[in-house]
Amino acid sequence: MMQIIIVFNSCHIKIAIFTLILYSVDQNFKLKNLRDLTYFLGFKITGSHQGINLSQCKYTIDLVNETSMLNSFLVSTPMNFFTKLHADGESLPDPTTYRRLIGKLVYLTNTRLDITYVVNKLNQYISAPTKDHLQIAFKVLRYLKGTVG
């Protein structure tokens, strides 16, 4: 099943054109109007006369909760930028958890540019992560916990 989402502002001319397009498409395909889009693929979508705002606040909170980091202490930066990541170290017995976490953090960089550098660095060790890499990923989560809002 194919799904198409159409977003537009509330200009009257655009609404009239959009209504004509919808009517034309409705003649050939089964349509379902879902009204205002609020959540889609982990993004909270809000609109105003100034434009559209995308937020992953709920996604971030769910990620912190899922990793049991809600009771952890906060940090002011996602990583000490003088820290050098290395491939050597004690490897993780099961790297699946690390890979899943990094994948979710990569998705979060769509709206959280402040963690992009760190997540990119951690992603470079996705094939053979160490316990040090996992600790830095947890530090990113503690940073996100303090900067959700």
Protein backbone atom coordinates (compact mmCIF):
# COMPACT_ATOMS: atom_id res chain seq x y z
CA MET A 1 0.00 0.00 0.00
CA MET A 2 1.44 3.38 -0.99
CA GLN A 3 0.99 6.40 1.25
CA ILE A 4 1.52 9.99 0.23
CA ILE A 5 1.51 12.91 2.65
CA ILE A 6 0.79 16.36 1.27
CA VAL A 7 1.62 19.43 3.33
CA PHE A 8 0.78 23.02 2.43
CA ASN A 9 0.12 26.35 4.10
CA SER A 10 -3.31 27.90 4.28
CA CYS A 11 -3.23 30.26 1.29
CA HIS A 12 -6.77 30.30 -0.20
CA ILE A 13 -5.58 29.85 -3.79
CA LYS A 14 -3.47 26.85 -2.81
CA ILE A 15 -6.40 25.32 -0.93
CA ALA A 16 -8.63 25.70 -4.00
CA ILE A 17 -6.02 24.11 -6.27
CA PHE A 18 -5.39 21.37 -3.72
CA THR A 19 -9.13 20.65 -3.51
CA LEU A 20 -9.30 20.27 -7.29
CA ILE A 21 -6.29 17.94 -7.27
CA LEU A 22 -7.81 15.86 -4.47
CA TYR A 23 -11.10 15.58 -6.34
CA SER A 24 -9.28 14.46 -9.49
CA VAL A 25 -7.17 11.90 -7.64
CA ASP A 26 -10.20 10.66 -5.69
CA GLN A 27 -11.86 9.68 -8.98
CA ASN A 28 -9.11 7.12 -9.67
CA PHE A 29 -7.82 6.09 -6.23
CA LYS A 30 -9.21 5.38 -2.80
CA LEU A 31 -8.32 8.35 -0.57
CA LYS A 32 -8.42 8.77 3.16
CA ASN A 33 -8.08 12.23 4.68
CA LEU A 34 -6.23 11.98 7.98
CA ARG A 35 -6.65 15.70 8.70
CA ASP A 36 -3.89 17.52 10.53
CA LEU A 37 -0.64 15.60 10.82
CA THR A 38 0.65 15.58 14.41
CA TYR A 39 3.07 12.64 14.73
CA PHE A 40 4.85 10.89 11.89
CA LEU A 41 7.87 8.54 12.08
CA GLY A 42 8.96 9.83 15.48
CA PHE A 43 8.52 13.50 14.57
CA LYS A 44 6.04 15.80 16.26
CA ILE A 45 4.76 18.18 13.60
CA THR A 46 3.24 21.53 14.45
CA GLY A 47 2.28 24.23 12.03
CA SER A 48 1.77 27.95 12.31
CA HIS A 49 1.55 30.91 9.99
CA GLN A 50 5.37 31.06 10.08
CA GLY A 51 5.82 27.48 8.84
CA ILE A 52 6.19 23.92 10.03
CA ASN A 53 8.11 22.86 13.13
CA LEU A 54 9.54 19.35 13.47
CA SER A 55 10.45 18.03 16.90
CA GLN A 56 11.69 14.67 18.15
CA CYS A 57 11.10 15.45 21.82
CA LYS A 58 8.87 12.41 22.44
CA TYR A 59 11.29 10.20 20.50
CA THR A 60 14.14 11.46 22.69
CA ILE A 61 12.25 10.87 25.92
CA ASP A 62 11.25 7.38 24.76
CA LEU A 63 14.88 6.61 23.86
CA VAL A 64 16.18 7.76 27.25
CA ASN A 65 13.45 5.76 28.99
CA GLU A 66 14.04 2.67 26.85
CA THR A 67 17.72 2.62 27.80
CA SER A 68 16.92 3.05 31.52
CA MET A 69 18.74 6.39 31.67
CA LEU A 70 15.90 8.42 33.22
CA ASN A 71 17.45 8.25 36.69
CA SER A 72 20.99 8.99 35.52
CA PHE A 73 22.76 12.25 36.25
CA LEU A 74 22.90 14.99 33.63
CA VAL A 75 25.95 16.16 31.71
CA SER A 76 26.40 19.50 29.97
CA THR A 77 28.09 18.24 26.79
CA PRO A 78 27.54 15.09 24.74
CA MET A 79 31.27 14.28 24.73
CA ASN A 80 34.55 15.82 25.76
CA PHE A 81 35.86 16.90 22.36
CA PHE A 82 39.44 16.22 23.42
CA THR A 83 38.55 12.55 23.83
CA LYS A 84 40.09 10.37 21.15
CA LEU A 85 38.14 7.28 20.22
CA HIS A 86 40.15 4.15 19.46
CA ALA A 87 39.29 0.76 18.03
CA ASP A 88 41.29 -1.05 20.70
CA GLY A 89 39.73 -1.80 24.05
CA GLU A 90 37.49 -4.37 25.65
CA SER A 91 34.97 -5.40 23.03
CA LEU A 92 31.30 -5.79 23.84
CA PRO A 93 30.07 -9.37 24.24
CA ASP A 94 26.94 -8.51 22.23
CA PRO A 95 27.33 -5.43 19.99
CA THR A 96 23.66 -5.56 18.93
CA THR A 97 22.57 -3.21 21.73
CA TYR A 98 25.24 -0.69 20.76
CA ARG A 99 24.31 -0.87 17.08
CA ARG A 100 20.62 -0.38 17.81
CA LEU A 101 21.37 2.58 20.08
CA ILE A 102 23.66 4.25 17.52
CA GLY A 103 21.04 3.72 14.82
CA LYS A 104 18.46 5.51 16.96
CA LEU A 105 20.90 8.31 17.73
CA VAL A 106 21.66 8.70 14.01
CA TYR A 107 17.93 9.11 13.39
CA LEU A 108 17.78 11.69 16.16
CA THR A 109 20.41 13.83 14.43
CA ASN A 110 17.68 14.92 11.99
CA THR A 111 16.63 17.51 14.54
CA ARG A 112 19.45 17.44 17.08
CA LEU A 113 22.47 18.86 15.29
CA ASP A 114 24.27 19.27 18.62
CA ILE A 115 24.94 15.53 18.81
CA THR A 116 25.83 14.99 15.15
CA TYR A 117 29.62 15.05 15.64
CA VAL A 118 29.63 12.57 18.51
CA VAL A 119 27.15 10.21 16.89
CA ASN A 120 29.16 10.27 13.66
CA LYS A 121 32.33 9.38 15.59
CA LEU A 122 30.56 6.56 17.46
CA ASN A 123 29.07 5.29 14.22
CA GLN A 124 32.57 4.78 12.81
CA TYR A 125 33.05 1.93 15.32
CA ILE A 126 29.73 0.20 14.65
CA SER A 127 31.39 -2.99 13.37
CA ALA A 128 33.55 -3.57 16.47
CA PRO A 129 32.38 -1.41 19.38
CA THR A 130 34.12 -1.41 22.74
CA LYS A 131 32.86 -0.74 26.23
CA ASP A 132 34.38 2.75 26.01
CA HIS A 133 32.23 3.49 22.95
CA LEU A 134 29.13 2.33 24.79
CA GLN A 135 29.99 4.55 27.77
CA ILE A 136 30.27 7.58 25.47
CA ALA A 137 26.92 6.66 23.87
CA PHE A 138 25.39 6.58 27.36
CA LYS A 139 26.91 10.01 28.02
CA VAL A 140 25.11 11.27 24.91
CA LEU A 141 21.86 9.94 26.37
CA ARG A 142 22.53 11.72 29.68
CA TYR A 143 23.13 14.92 27.69
CA LEU A 144 19.90 14.42 25.75
CA LYS A 145 17.99 13.87 28.99
CA GLY A 146 19.01 17.32 30.15
CA THR A 147 18.29 19.07 26.85
CA VAL A 148 14.99 17.52 25.76
CA GLY A 149 12.83 20.60 26.15
